[in-house]
Amino acid sequence: MASSSMPPGAEAPVFYELDEHHHEAGASTALGFWLYLMSDCLIFAMLFASYGVYGSSYAGGPRPSELFELPLVAVNTAMLLLSSITYGFAMLAMDKNQVRATQGWLAITGMFGLAFVSIELFEFSNLIAEGAGPQRSAFLSAFFTLVSTHGLHVSVGLIWLVVLMVQVGRKGLIADNRRRLQCLSLFWHFLDVIWIGVFTFVYLLGVLR
């Protein structure tokens, strides 16, 4: 049998205790959400680029100046901008731990967001009724793809908002709900910025062509 005693002059083995690095709660969630927003930026960048290429391919069909109603689009833009302001008030109420005020501002935000989606659907239905559907030309295909992708994101944001209102109503402004509200805030303001690009690049420049 091998002797358990160490030979003369040999150094005793050294054992190290490894401490785990401290991570803030929710840090992985925040990082993952930022990565998602970056991927969304790439999606919208490609859609804007596609519209830039095909936006003047009318195939003998109607031009933007003949289709777009800027007063209606301006009202729609105001709905989304106001929803961002009211969401900001919801976040201020959250910081003060005011559950009812947070819920109230979230509900107002949801109403503005719903108005935005409704006006967008109204615009789409009018265009299709006039024979200016996405199959009419490359310009209209690019337009419907870009604008409807943004509208789909707003619709998903509305569902997310309702779910968070239910969670806040049941569990209050706990740390998890605060983090989720902050993620939705980033998402909502991101959509606001994208829409400003759509309003400027698609509608305003389109009417000026």
N, C-alpha and C. Protein backbone atom coordinates (compact mmCIF):
# COMPACT_ATOMS: atom_id res chain seq x y z
N MET A 1 0.83 -1.20 0.00
CA MET A 1 0.00 0.00 0.00
C MET A 1 0.87 1.25 0.00
N ALA A 2 0.46 2.27 -0.74
CA ALA A 2 1.24 3.50 -0.79
C ALA A 2 1.10 4.24 0.52
N SER A 3 2.19 4.78 0.95
CA SER A 3 2.19 5.51 2.21
C SER A 3 1.50 6.85 2.02
N SER A 4 0.69 7.22 3.01
CA SER A 4 -0.02 8.50 2.94
C SER A 4 0.84 9.66 3.39
N SER A 5 2.01 9.35 3.97
CA SER A 5 2.89 10.42 4.43
C SER A 5 3.60 11.03 3.25
N MET A 6 3.89 12.33 3.31
CA MET A 6 4.54 13.04 2.23
C MET A 6 6.04 12.81 2.29
N PRO A 7 6.70 12.74 1.16
CA PRO A 7 8.15 12.57 1.16
C PRO A 7 8.84 13.80 1.72
N PRO A 8 10.02 13.64 2.26
CA PRO A 8 10.74 14.79 2.85
C PRO A 8 11.00 15.86 1.80
N GLY A 9 10.78 17.12 2.21
CA GLY A 9 11.04 18.25 1.32
C GLY A 9 9.91 18.59 0.37
N ALA A 10 8.87 17.74 0.31
CA ALA A 10 7.75 18.03 -0.60
C ALA A 10 6.84 19.09 0.00
N GLU A 11 6.30 19.97 -0.87
CA GLU A 11 5.41 21.03 -0.41
C GLU A 11 3.99 20.51 -0.32
N ALA A 12 3.29 20.96 0.70
CA ALA A 12 1.90 20.55 0.87
C ALA A 12 1.05 21.17 -0.23
N PRO A 13 0.10 20.42 -0.78
CA PRO A 13 -0.77 20.99 -1.82
C PRO A 13 -1.62 22.13 -1.27
N VAL A 14 -1.84 23.13 -2.13
CA VAL A 14 -2.61 24.30 -1.72
C VAL A 14 -3.98 24.22 -2.38
N PHE A 15 -5.01 24.37 -1.59
CA PHE A 15 -6.38 24.33 -2.10
C PHE A 15 -6.95 25.75 -2.09
N TYR A 16 -7.60 26.13 -3.21
CA TYR A 16 -8.16 27.47 -3.34
C TYR A 16 -9.68 27.37 -3.31
N GLU A 17 -10.27 28.30 -2.63
CA GLU A 17 -11.74 28.37 -2.59
C GLU A 17 -12.17 29.48 -3.53
N LEU A 18 -12.88 29.09 -4.56
CA LEU A 18 -13.31 30.05 -5.58
C LEU A 18 -14.63 30.68 -5.19
N ASP A 19 -14.65 32.01 -5.16
CA ASP A 19 -15.88 32.74 -4.85
C ASP A 19 -16.58 33.10 -6.15
N GLU A 20 -17.89 32.92 -6.17
CA GLU A 20 -18.67 33.31 -7.34
C GLU A 20 -18.75 34.82 -7.42
N HIS A 21 -18.71 35.32 -8.67
CA HIS A 21 -18.83 36.76 -8.86
C HIS A 21 -20.27 37.19 -8.58
N HIS A 22 -20.39 38.36 -8.00
CA HIS A 22 -21.72 38.86 -7.68
C HIS A 22 -22.35 39.48 -8.92
N HIS A 23 -23.58 39.12 -9.19
CA HIS A 23 -24.33 39.69 -10.31
C HIS A 23 -25.59 40.35 -9.76
N GLU A 24 -25.85 41.55 -10.27
CA GLU A 24 -27.06 42.24 -9.86
C GLU A 24 -28.28 41.47 -10.33
N ALA A 25 -29.33 41.50 -9.51
CA ALA A 25 -30.58 40.82 -9.88
C ALA A 25 -31.15 41.44 -11.15
N GLY A 26 -31.47 40.59 -12.12
CA GLY A 26 -32.06 41.08 -13.36
C GLY A 26 -31.05 41.57 -14.39
N ALA A 27 -29.75 41.45 -14.09
CA ALA A 27 -28.74 41.94 -15.03
C ALA A 27 -28.81 41.19 -16.35
N SER A 28 -29.01 39.88 -16.29
CA SER A 28 -29.10 39.08 -17.52
C SER A 28 -30.34 39.46 -18.32
N THR A 29 -31.44 39.79 -17.62
CA THR A 29 -32.66 40.21 -18.32
C THR A 29 -32.43 41.50 -19.08
N ALA A 30 -31.78 42.47 -18.44
CA ALA A 30 -31.51 43.76 -19.08
C ALA A 30 -30.60 43.58 -20.29
N LEU A 31 -29.55 42.77 -20.14
CA LEU A 31 -28.64 42.54 -21.26
C LEU A 31 -29.36 41.85 -22.41
N GLY A 32 -30.15 40.84 -22.10
CA GLY A 32 -30.89 40.13 -23.14
C GLY A 32 -31.86 41.04 -23.87
N PHE A 33 -32.49 41.96 -23.13
CA PHE A 33 -33.46 42.85 -23.77
C PHE A 33 -32.76 43.86 -24.67
N TRP A 34 -31.60 44.35 -24.25
CA TRP A 34 -30.84 45.27 -25.10
C TRP A 34 -30.41 44.57 -26.38
N LEU A 35 -30.02 43.30 -26.28
CA LEU A 35 -29.65 42.55 -27.48
C LEU A 35 -30.85 42.39 -28.41
N TYR A 36 -32.03 42.16 -27.80
CA TYR A 36 -33.24 42.07 -28.62
C TYR A 36 -33.51 43.39 -29.35
N LEU A 37 -33.39 44.52 -28.66
CA LEU A 37 -33.63 45.81 -29.30
C LEU A 37 -32.64 46.06 -30.43
N MET A 38 -31.40 45.62 -30.24
CA MET A 38 -30.42 45.78 -31.31
C MET A 38 -30.81 44.96 -32.54
N SER A 39 -31.32 43.75 -32.31
CA SER A 39 -31.76 42.93 -33.44
C SER A 39 -32.98 43.56 -34.12
N ASP A 40 -33.84 44.18 -33.34
CA ASP A 40 -34.99 44.88 -33.91
C ASP A 40 -34.55 46.08 -34.74
N CYS A 41 -33.51 46.75 -34.28
CA CYS A 41 -32.96 47.87 -35.06
C CYS A 41 -32.50 47.39 -36.43
N LEU A 42 -31.88 46.22 -36.48
CA LEU A 42 -31.42 45.67 -37.76
C LEU A 42 -32.61 45.36 -38.66
N ILE A 43 -33.69 44.82 -38.07
CA ILE A 43 -34.88 44.50 -38.87
C ILE A 43 -35.45 45.77 -39.50
N PHE A 44 -35.62 46.81 -38.70
CA PHE A 44 -36.19 48.05 -39.24
C PHE A 44 -35.22 48.74 -40.19
N ALA A 45 -33.91 48.60 -39.96
CA ALA A 45 -32.94 49.18 -40.89
C ALA A 45 -33.09 48.54 -42.27
N MET A 46 -33.28 47.22 -42.31
CA MET A 46 -33.47 46.54 -43.59
C MET A 46 -34.78 46.96 -44.25
N LEU A 47 -35.83 47.16 -43.44
CA LEU A 47 -37.11 47.58 -44.01
C LEU A 47 -37.03 48.99 -44.57
N PHE A 48 -36.33 49.88 -43.85
CA PHE A 48 -36.13 51.24 -44.36
C PHE A 48 -35.31 51.22 -45.64
N ALA A 49 -34.29 50.37 -45.66
CA ALA A 49 -33.46 50.26 -46.87
C ALA A 49 -34.27 49.74 -48.05
N SER A 50 -35.13 48.76 -47.79
CA SER A 50 -35.99 48.23 -48.85
C SER A 50 -36.93 49.30 -49.38
N TYR A 51 -37.49 50.09 -48.46
CA TYR A 51 -38.37 51.15 -48.91
C TYR A 51 -37.60 52.19 -49.71
N GLY A 52 -36.36 52.47 -49.29
CA GLY A 52 -35.54 53.42 -50.04
C GLY A 52 -35.28 52.97 -51.46
N VAL A 53 -35.17 51.66 -51.66
CA VAL A 53 -34.92 51.12 -53.00
C VAL A 53 -36.20 51.07 -53.83
N TYR A 54 -37.28 50.58 -53.22
CA TYR A 54 -38.52 50.35 -53.97
C TYR A 54 -39.54 51.48 -53.84
N GLY A 55 -39.24 52.49 -53.04
CA GLY A 55 -40.23 53.53 -52.77
C GLY A 55 -40.61 54.37 -53.97
N SER A 56 -39.84 54.31 -55.04
CA SER A 56 -40.19 55.07 -56.25
C SER A 56 -40.61 54.16 -57.40
N SER A 57 -40.84 52.88 -57.10
CA SER A 57 -41.29 51.94 -58.14
C SER A 57 -42.81 51.83 -58.08
N TYR A 58 -43.48 52.70 -58.83
CA TYR A 58 -44.94 52.81 -58.75
C TYR A 58 -45.67 51.87 -59.71
N ALA A 59 -44.97 51.33 -60.70
CA ALA A 59 -45.57 50.41 -61.69
C ALA A 59 -46.82 51.01 -62.32
N GLY A 60 -46.78 52.31 -62.59
CA GLY A 60 -47.92 52.98 -63.20
C GLY A 60 -49.08 53.21 -62.25
N GLY A 61 -48.88 52.90 -60.98
CA GLY A 61 -49.93 53.06 -59.98
C GLY A 61 -49.86 54.40 -59.27
N PRO A 62 -50.62 54.56 -58.20
CA PRO A 62 -50.65 55.84 -57.49
C PRO A 62 -49.34 56.13 -56.78
N ARG A 63 -49.04 57.42 -56.65
CA ARG A 63 -47.84 57.89 -55.98
C ARG A 63 -48.18 58.24 -54.53
N PRO A 64 -47.17 58.40 -53.67
CA PRO A 64 -47.44 58.74 -52.26
C PRO A 64 -48.28 60.01 -52.11
N SER A 65 -48.00 61.02 -52.92
CA SER A 65 -48.74 62.28 -52.80
C SER A 65 -50.21 62.11 -53.13
N GLU A 66 -50.55 61.05 -53.87
CA GLU A 66 -51.94 60.79 -54.22
C GLU A 66 -52.66 59.93 -53.19
N LEU A 67 -51.91 59.33 -52.29
CA LEU A 67 -52.49 58.38 -51.34
C LEU A 67 -52.49 58.86 -49.90
N PHE A 68 -51.38 59.46 -49.47
CA PHE A 68 -51.21 59.76 -48.05
C PHE A 68 -52.02 60.98 -47.62
N GLU A 69 -52.69 60.85 -46.50
CA GLU A 69 -53.44 61.96 -45.90
C GLU A 69 -52.66 62.43 -44.68
N LEU A 70 -51.88 63.48 -44.86
CA LEU A 70 -50.99 63.93 -43.78
C LEU A 70 -51.74 64.33 -42.51
N PRO A 71 -52.91 64.99 -42.59
CA PRO A 71 -53.62 65.30 -41.33
C PRO A 71 -53.94 64.06 -40.51
N LEU A 72 -54.37 62.98 -41.17
CA LEU A 72 -54.67 61.74 -40.46
C LEU A 72 -53.41 61.14 -39.87
N VAL A 73 -52.34 61.15 -40.63
CA VAL A 73 -51.07 60.60 -40.15
C VAL A 73 -50.53 61.44 -38.99
N ALA A 74 -50.74 62.75 -39.05
CA ALA A 74 -50.29 63.63 -37.97
C ALA A 74 -51.04 63.32 -36.67
N VAL A 75 -52.34 63.08 -36.79
CA VAL A 75 -53.12 62.70 -35.60
C VAL A 75 -52.61 61.38 -35.05
N ASN A 76 -52.32 60.43 -35.93
CA ASN A 76 -51.82 59.14 -35.50
C ASN A 76 -50.47 59.28 -34.80
N THR A 77 -49.62 60.14 -35.35
CA THR A 77 -48.32 60.39 -34.72
C THR A 77 -48.49 60.99 -33.34
N ALA A 78 -49.44 61.90 -33.21
CA ALA A 78 -49.70 62.52 -31.91
C ALA A 78 -50.14 61.48 -30.88
N MET A 79 -50.92 60.49 -31.32
CA MET A 79 -51.36 59.43 -30.40
C MET A 79 -50.17 58.67 -29.83
N LEU A 80 -49.21 58.34 -30.69
CA LEU A 80 -48.06 57.58 -30.22
C LEU A 80 -47.14 58.43 -29.35
N LEU A 81 -46.95 59.69 -29.73
CA LEU A 81 -46.12 60.57 -28.91
C LEU A 81 -46.73 60.79 -27.53
N LEU A 82 -48.04 60.98 -27.48
CA LEU A 82 -48.71 61.15 -26.19
C LEU A 82 -48.60 59.89 -25.35
N SER A 83 -48.64 58.72 -26.00
CA SER A 83 -48.53 57.47 -25.24
C SER A 83 -47.15 57.35 -24.59
N SER A 84 -46.12 57.86 -25.24
CA SER A 84 -44.79 57.84 -24.64
C SER A 84 -44.72 58.77 -23.43
N ILE A 85 -45.39 59.92 -23.54
CA ILE A 85 -45.41 60.86 -22.41
C ILE A 85 -46.12 60.24 -21.22
N THR A 86 -47.28 59.63 -21.46
CA THR A 86 -48.03 59.05 -20.35
C THR A 86 -47.29 57.84 -19.75
N TYR A 87 -46.55 57.12 -20.59
CA TYR A 87 -45.74 56.02 -20.03
C TYR A 87 -44.64 56.58 -19.13
N GLY A 88 -44.11 57.73 -19.51
CA GLY A 88 -43.13 58.38 -18.64
C GLY A 88 -43.73 58.74 -17.29
N PHE A 89 -44.97 59.21 -17.28
CA PHE A 89 -45.65 59.50 -16.01
C PHE A 89 -45.86 58.22 -15.20
N ALA A 90 -46.12 57.11 -15.89
CA ALA A 90 -46.27 55.83 -15.19
C ALA A 90 -44.97 55.43 -14.50
N MET A 91 -43.86 55.67 -15.16
CA MET A 91 -42.56 55.33 -14.57
C MET A 91 -42.25 56.24 -13.37
N LEU A 92 -42.64 57.50 -13.45
CA LEU A 92 -42.45 58.40 -12.31
C LEU A 92 -43.29 57.95 -11.12
N ALA A 93 -44.53 57.53 -11.40
CA ALA A 93 -45.38 57.02 -10.33
C ALA A 93 -44.80 55.74 -9.74
N MET A 94 -44.21 54.90 -10.58
CA MET A 94 -43.59 53.67 -10.10
C MET A 94 -42.43 53.99 -9.16
N ASP A 95 -41.62 55.00 -9.51
CA ASP A 95 -40.50 55.38 -8.65
C ASP A 95 -40.97 55.85 -7.28
N LYS A 96 -42.19 56.40 -7.23
CA LYS A 96 -42.75 56.86 -5.96
C LYS A 96 -43.56 55.76 -5.27
N ASN A 97 -43.54 54.56 -5.86
CA ASN A 97 -44.25 53.41 -5.30
C ASN A 97 -45.75 53.63 -5.22
N GLN A 98 -46.30 54.34 -6.20
CA GLN A 98 -47.73 54.62 -6.25
C GLN A 98 -48.39 53.64 -7.23
N VAL A 99 -48.94 52.59 -6.69
CA VAL A 99 -49.48 51.52 -7.53
C VAL A 99 -50.66 52.00 -8.37
N ARG A 100 -51.62 52.67 -7.73
CA ARG A 100 -52.82 53.08 -8.45
C ARG A 100 -52.49 54.10 -9.53
N ALA A 101 -51.60 55.04 -9.23
CA ALA A 101 -51.21 56.02 -10.24
C ALA A 101 -50.48 55.36 -11.40
N THR A 102 -49.63 54.40 -11.08
CA THR A 102 -48.94 53.66 -12.14
C THR A 102 -49.93 52.94 -13.04
N GLN A 103 -50.90 52.27 -12.43
CA GLN A 103 -51.92 51.57 -13.21
C GLN A 103 -52.73 52.54 -14.07
N GLY A 104 -53.05 53.69 -13.51
CA GLY A 104 -53.85 54.66 -14.25
C GLY A 104 -53.12 55.19 -15.48
N TRP A 105 -51.84 55.54 -15.31
CA TRP A 105 -51.07 56.04 -16.45
C TRP A 105 -50.83 54.95 -17.49
N LEU A 106 -50.66 53.72 -17.04
CA LEU A 106 -50.52 52.62 -17.99
C LEU A 106 -51.79 52.43 -18.80
N ALA A 107 -52.93 52.57 -18.14
CA ALA A 107 -54.21 52.43 -18.85
C ALA A 107 -54.37 53.53 -19.90
N ILE A 108 -53.99 54.76 -19.56
CA ILE A 108 -54.06 55.86 -20.53
C ILE A 108 -53.11 55.61 -21.69
N THR A 109 -51.92 55.11 -21.37
CA THR A 109 -50.96 54.76 -22.43
C THR A 109 -51.56 53.72 -23.37
N GLY A 110 -52.22 52.72 -22.80
CA GLY A 110 -52.85 51.69 -23.62
C GLY A 110 -53.93 52.25 -24.54
N MET A 111 -54.70 53.22 -24.05
CA MET A 111 -55.74 53.81 -24.88
C MET A 111 -55.15 54.58 -26.05
N PHE A 112 -54.07 55.33 -25.79
CA PHE A 112 -53.41 56.05 -26.89
C PHE A 112 -52.83 55.05 -27.90
N GLY A 113 -52.22 53.98 -27.39
CA GLY A 113 -51.67 52.97 -28.29
C GLY A 113 -52.74 52.28 -29.11
N LEU A 114 -53.88 52.00 -28.49
CA LEU A 114 -54.98 51.38 -29.22
C LEU A 114 -55.53 52.32 -30.28
N ALA A 115 -55.59 53.62 -29.98
CA ALA A 115 -56.03 54.60 -30.97
C ALA A 115 -55.07 54.63 -32.15
N PHE A 116 -53.78 54.53 -31.87
CA PHE A 116 -52.78 54.52 -32.94
C PHE A 116 -53.00 53.34 -33.88
N VAL A 117 -53.14 52.15 -33.31
CA VAL A 117 -53.33 50.95 -34.13
C VAL A 117 -54.64 51.04 -34.91
N SER A 118 -55.69 51.57 -34.29
CA SER A 118 -56.99 51.67 -34.96
C SER A 118 -56.92 52.61 -36.16
N ILE A 119 -56.25 53.75 -35.99
CA ILE A 119 -56.12 54.69 -37.10
C ILE A 119 -55.29 54.08 -38.23
N GLU A 120 -54.27 53.34 -37.86
CA GLU A 120 -53.43 52.69 -38.88
C GLU A 120 -54.24 51.66 -39.67
N LEU A 121 -55.06 50.88 -38.98
CA LEU A 121 -55.91 49.90 -39.68
C LEU A 121 -56.92 50.61 -40.57
N PHE A 122 -57.44 51.74 -40.11
CA PHE A 122 -58.37 52.53 -40.91
C PHE A 122 -57.69 53.01 -42.19
N GLU A 123 -56.45 53.47 -42.06
CA GLU A 123 -55.70 53.92 -43.23
C GLU A 123 -55.47 52.77 -44.21
N PHE A 124 -55.08 51.62 -43.69
CA PHE A 124 -54.85 50.46 -44.55
C PHE A 124 -56.12 50.06 -45.29
N SER A 125 -57.23 50.03 -44.58
CA SER A 125 -58.49 49.62 -45.21
C SER A 125 -58.89 50.58 -46.32
N ASN A 126 -58.66 51.88 -46.11
CA ASN A 126 -58.97 52.86 -47.15
C ASN A 126 -58.09 52.67 -48.39
N LEU A 127 -56.80 52.43 -48.15
CA LEU A 127 -55.89 52.23 -49.28
C LEU A 127 -56.27 50.99 -50.09
N ILE A 128 -56.59 49.91 -49.40
CA ILE A 128 -56.97 48.67 -50.09
C ILE A 128 -58.28 48.86 -50.84
N ALA A 129 -59.23 49.61 -50.24
CA ALA A 129 -60.51 49.86 -50.91
C ALA A 129 -60.32 50.68 -52.17
N GLU A 130 -59.27 51.52 -52.21
CA GLU A 130 -58.98 52.33 -53.39
C GLU A 130 -58.17 51.57 -54.43
N GLY A 131 -57.89 50.31 -54.17
CA GLY A 131 -57.09 49.52 -55.11
C GLY A 131 -55.60 49.70 -54.94
N ALA A 132 -55.19 50.27 -53.82
CA ALA A 132 -53.77 50.51 -53.55
C ALA A 132 -53.28 49.55 -52.48
N GLY A 133 -53.51 48.25 -52.72
CA GLY A 133 -53.04 47.24 -51.78
C GLY A 133 -51.57 46.92 -51.98
N PRO A 134 -51.02 46.08 -51.14
CA PRO A 134 -49.57 45.78 -51.23
C PRO A 134 -49.16 45.09 -52.52
N GLN A 135 -50.10 44.46 -53.22
CA GLN A 135 -49.76 43.77 -54.47
C GLN A 135 -49.75 44.71 -55.67
N ARG A 136 -50.14 45.97 -55.48
CA ARG A 136 -50.28 46.91 -56.61
C ARG A 136 -48.93 47.32 -57.20
N SER A 137 -47.94 47.55 -56.35
CA SER A 137 -46.63 47.98 -56.83
C SER A 137 -45.58 47.67 -55.77
N ALA A 138 -44.31 47.77 -56.19
CA ALA A 138 -43.21 47.54 -55.25
C ALA A 138 -43.22 48.61 -54.15
N PHE A 139 -43.58 49.83 -54.52
CA PHE A 139 -43.69 50.91 -53.54
C PHE A 139 -44.69 50.56 -52.44
N LEU A 140 -45.86 50.09 -52.84
CA LEU A 140 -46.89 49.77 -51.85
C LEU A 140 -46.53 48.53 -51.05
N SER A 141 -45.86 47.58 -51.67
CA SER A 141 -45.41 46.40 -50.93
C SER A 141 -44.43 46.80 -49.83
N ALA A 142 -43.47 47.66 -50.17
CA ALA A 142 -42.49 48.12 -49.18
C ALA A 142 -43.16 48.96 -48.10
N PHE A 143 -44.13 49.78 -48.51
CA PHE A 143 -44.84 50.63 -47.55
C PHE A 143 -45.62 49.79 -46.55
N PHE A 144 -46.43 48.86 -47.05
CA PHE A 144 -47.24 48.04 -46.15
C PHE A 144 -46.36 47.18 -45.24
N THR A 145 -45.25 46.67 -45.75
CA THR A 145 -44.38 45.83 -44.93
C THR A 145 -43.77 46.62 -43.79
N LEU A 146 -43.25 47.81 -44.11
CA LEU A 146 -42.62 48.63 -43.08
C LEU A 146 -43.61 49.10 -42.03
N VAL A 147 -44.70 49.70 -42.47
CA VAL A 147 -45.66 50.29 -41.53
C VAL A 147 -46.38 49.21 -40.73
N SER A 148 -46.75 48.10 -41.37
CA SER A 148 -47.46 47.05 -40.64
C SER A 148 -46.54 46.34 -39.65
N THR A 149 -45.24 46.24 -39.96
CA THR A 149 -44.30 45.65 -38.99
C THR A 149 -44.23 46.51 -37.74
N HIS A 150 -44.20 47.81 -37.92
CA HIS A 150 -44.22 48.71 -36.76
C HIS A 150 -45.54 48.57 -36.00
N GLY A 151 -46.65 48.53 -36.73
CA GLY A 151 -47.95 48.38 -36.07
C GLY A 151 -48.06 47.07 -35.31
N LEU A 152 -47.46 46.01 -35.85
CA LEU A 152 -47.46 44.72 -35.15
C LEU A 152 -46.69 44.83 -33.84
N HIS A 153 -45.58 45.55 -33.86
CA HIS A 153 -44.81 45.75 -32.63
C HIS A 153 -45.62 46.51 -31.59
N VAL A 154 -46.34 47.53 -32.04
CA VAL A 154 -47.18 48.29 -31.10
C VAL A 154 -48.27 47.39 -30.51
N SER A 155 -48.85 46.54 -31.34
CA SER A 155 -49.88 45.62 -30.86
C SER A 155 -49.32 44.66 -29.81
N VAL A 156 -48.12 44.13 -30.06
CA VAL A 156 -47.47 43.26 -29.07
C VAL A 156 -47.19 44.04 -27.79
N GLY A 157 -46.78 45.30 -27.94
CA GLY A 157 -46.55 46.14 -26.76
C GLY A 157 -47.81 46.35 -25.94
N LEU A 158 -48.95 46.47 -26.63
CA LEU A 158 -50.22 46.64 -25.91
C LEU A 158 -50.58 45.39 -25.11
N ILE A 159 -50.34 44.21 -25.72
CA ILE A 159 -50.61 42.97 -24.98
C ILE A 159 -49.69 42.86 -23.78
N TRP A 160 -48.43 43.19 -23.97
CA TRP A 160 -47.47 43.18 -22.88
C TRP A 160 -47.90 44.14 -21.77
N LEU A 161 -48.38 45.32 -22.16
CA LEU A 161 -48.81 46.31 -21.18
C LEU A 161 -49.98 45.79 -20.34
N VAL A 162 -50.94 45.15 -20.99
CA VAL A 162 -52.09 44.61 -20.25
C VAL A 162 -51.64 43.54 -19.27
N VAL A 163 -50.73 42.67 -19.71
CA VAL A 163 -50.21 41.62 -18.83
C VAL A 163 -49.53 42.23 -17.62
N LEU A 164 -48.74 43.27 -17.83
CA LEU A 164 -48.05 43.91 -16.71
C LEU A 164 -49.03 44.60 -15.76
N MET A 165 -50.09 45.17 -16.31
CA MET A 165 -51.10 45.78 -15.44
C MET A 165 -51.73 44.73 -14.52
N VAL A 166 -51.97 43.55 -15.07
CA VAL A 166 -52.52 42.46 -14.26
C VAL A 166 -51.52 42.04 -13.19
N GLN A 167 -50.26 41.93 -13.55
CA GLN A 167 -49.24 41.51 -12.60
C GLN A 167 -49.04 42.54 -11.49
N VAL A 168 -49.04 43.82 -11.87
CA VAL A 168 -48.91 44.88 -10.87
C VAL A 168 -50.13 44.88 -9.96
N GLY A 169 -51.31 44.65 -10.52
CA GLY A 169 -52.51 44.61 -9.71
C GLY A 169 -52.49 43.48 -8.70
N ARG A 170 -51.87 42.36 -9.05
CA ARG A 170 -51.85 41.20 -8.15
C ARG A 170 -50.70 41.26 -7.13
N LYS A 171 -49.51 41.66 -7.60
CA LYS A 171 -48.33 41.56 -6.75
C LYS A 171 -47.72 42.92 -6.38
N GLY A 172 -48.29 43.99 -6.94
CA GLY A 172 -47.76 45.31 -6.62
C GLY A 172 -46.46 45.60 -7.36
N LEU A 173 -45.77 46.64 -6.94
CA LEU A 173 -44.55 47.07 -7.61
C LEU A 173 -43.33 46.38 -7.01
N ILE A 174 -43.31 45.06 -7.11
CA ILE A 174 -42.16 44.31 -6.63
C ILE A 174 -41.00 44.49 -7.62
N ALA A 175 -39.83 44.02 -7.25
CA ALA A 175 -38.64 44.24 -8.08
C ALA A 175 -38.80 43.67 -9.48
N ASP A 176 -39.39 42.49 -9.59
CA ASP A 176 -39.57 41.88 -10.91
C ASP A 176 -40.48 42.71 -11.79
N ASN A 177 -41.58 43.21 -11.22
CA ASN A 177 -42.50 44.02 -12.00
C ASN A 177 -41.87 45.36 -12.40
N ARG A 178 -41.07 45.93 -11.52
CA ARG A 178 -40.38 47.17 -11.86
C ARG A 178 -39.43 46.96 -13.04
N ARG A 179 -38.72 45.83 -13.02
CA ARG A 179 -37.79 45.54 -14.11
C ARG A 179 -38.55 45.32 -15.42
N ARG A 180 -39.68 44.65 -15.35
CA ARG A 180 -40.48 44.42 -16.56
C ARG A 180 -41.05 45.73 -17.10
N LEU A 181 -41.47 46.61 -16.20
CA LEU A 181 -41.97 47.91 -16.64
C LEU A 181 -40.87 48.73 -17.29
N GLN A 182 -39.66 48.63 -16.79
CA GLN A 182 -38.54 49.34 -17.39
C GLN A 182 -38.21 48.80 -18.77
N CYS A 183 -38.29 47.48 -18.94
CA CYS A 183 -38.06 46.89 -20.26
C CYS A 183 -39.13 47.33 -21.25
N LEU A 184 -40.38 47.34 -20.82
CA LEU A 184 -41.45 47.79 -21.70
C LEU A 184 -41.29 49.27 -22.04
N SER A 185 -40.79 50.05 -21.09
CA SER A 185 -40.54 51.47 -21.35
C SER A 185 -39.53 51.64 -22.47
N LEU A 186 -38.44 50.87 -22.43
CA LEU A 186 -37.44 50.93 -23.51
C LEU A 186 -38.07 50.55 -24.84
N PHE A 187 -38.87 49.50 -24.83
CA PHE A 187 -39.52 49.01 -26.04
C PHE A 187 -40.47 50.06 -26.61
N TRP A 188 -41.25 50.68 -25.74
CA TRP A 188 -42.25 51.64 -26.19
C TRP A 188 -41.60 52.89 -26.77
N HIS A 189 -40.58 53.40 -26.10
CA HIS A 189 -39.90 54.58 -26.62
C HIS A 189 -39.12 54.26 -27.89
N PHE A 190 -38.63 53.04 -28.00
CA PHE A 190 -37.97 52.61 -29.22
C PHE A 190 -38.94 52.67 -30.41
N LEU A 191 -40.16 52.20 -30.20
CA LEU A 191 -41.16 52.24 -31.26
C LEU A 191 -41.51 53.68 -31.61
N ASP A 192 -41.48 54.57 -30.64
CA ASP A 192 -41.73 55.98 -30.88
C ASP A 192 -40.67 56.56 -31.82
N VAL A 193 -39.41 56.23 -31.56
CA VAL A 193 -38.33 56.72 -32.40
C VAL A 193 -38.45 56.16 -33.82
N ILE A 194 -38.77 54.88 -33.93
CA ILE A 194 -38.94 54.27 -35.25
C ILE A 194 -40.06 54.96 -36.01
N TRP A 195 -41.16 55.26 -35.32
CA TRP A 195 -42.28 55.90 -36.02
C TRP A 195 -41.93 57.29 -36.50
N ILE A 196 -41.13 58.02 -35.76
CA ILE A 196 -40.69 59.34 -36.23
C ILE A 196 -39.94 59.20 -37.54
N GLY A 197 -39.12 58.14 -37.64
CA GLY A 197 -38.44 57.87 -38.91
C GLY A 197 -39.41 57.53 -40.02
N VAL A 198 -40.44 56.73 -39.71
CA VAL A 198 -41.46 56.38 -40.70
C VAL A 198 -42.21 57.63 -41.15
N PHE A 199 -42.62 58.44 -40.21
CA PHE A 199 -43.38 59.65 -40.53
C PHE A 199 -42.57 60.59 -41.43
N THR A 200 -41.29 60.73 -41.12
CA THR A 200 -40.44 61.65 -41.89
C THR A 200 -40.07 61.06 -43.24
N PHE A 201 -39.55 59.84 -43.22
CA PHE A 201 -38.98 59.23 -44.42
C PHE A 201 -40.05 58.75 -45.40
N VAL A 202 -41.14 58.22 -44.87
CA VAL A 202 -42.17 57.65 -45.74
C VAL A 202 -43.24 58.68 -46.10
N TYR A 203 -43.83 59.29 -45.07
CA TYR A 203 -44.98 60.16 -45.34
C TYR A 203 -44.57 61.55 -45.81
N LEU A 204 -43.74 62.26 -45.05
CA LEU A 204 -43.41 63.64 -45.43
C LEU A 204 -42.64 63.69 -46.75
N LEU A 205 -41.57 62.91 -46.83
CA LEU A 205 -40.79 62.91 -48.08
C LEU A 205 -41.61 62.35 -49.23
N GLY A 206 -42.51 61.40 -48.94
CA GLY A 206 -43.34 60.84 -49.99
C GLY A 206 -44.28 61.86 -50.60
N VAL A 207 -44.86 62.71 -49.76
CA VAL A 207 -45.78 63.72 -50.25
C VAL A 207 -45.03 64.79 -51.05
N LEU A 208 -43.77 65.03 -50.69
CA LEU A 208 -43.00 66.06 -51.38
C LEU A 208 -42.47 65.60 -52.74
N ARG A 209 -42.53 64.30 -53.01
CA ARG A 209 -42.02 63.81 -54.30
C ARG A 209 -42.92 64.25 -55.45
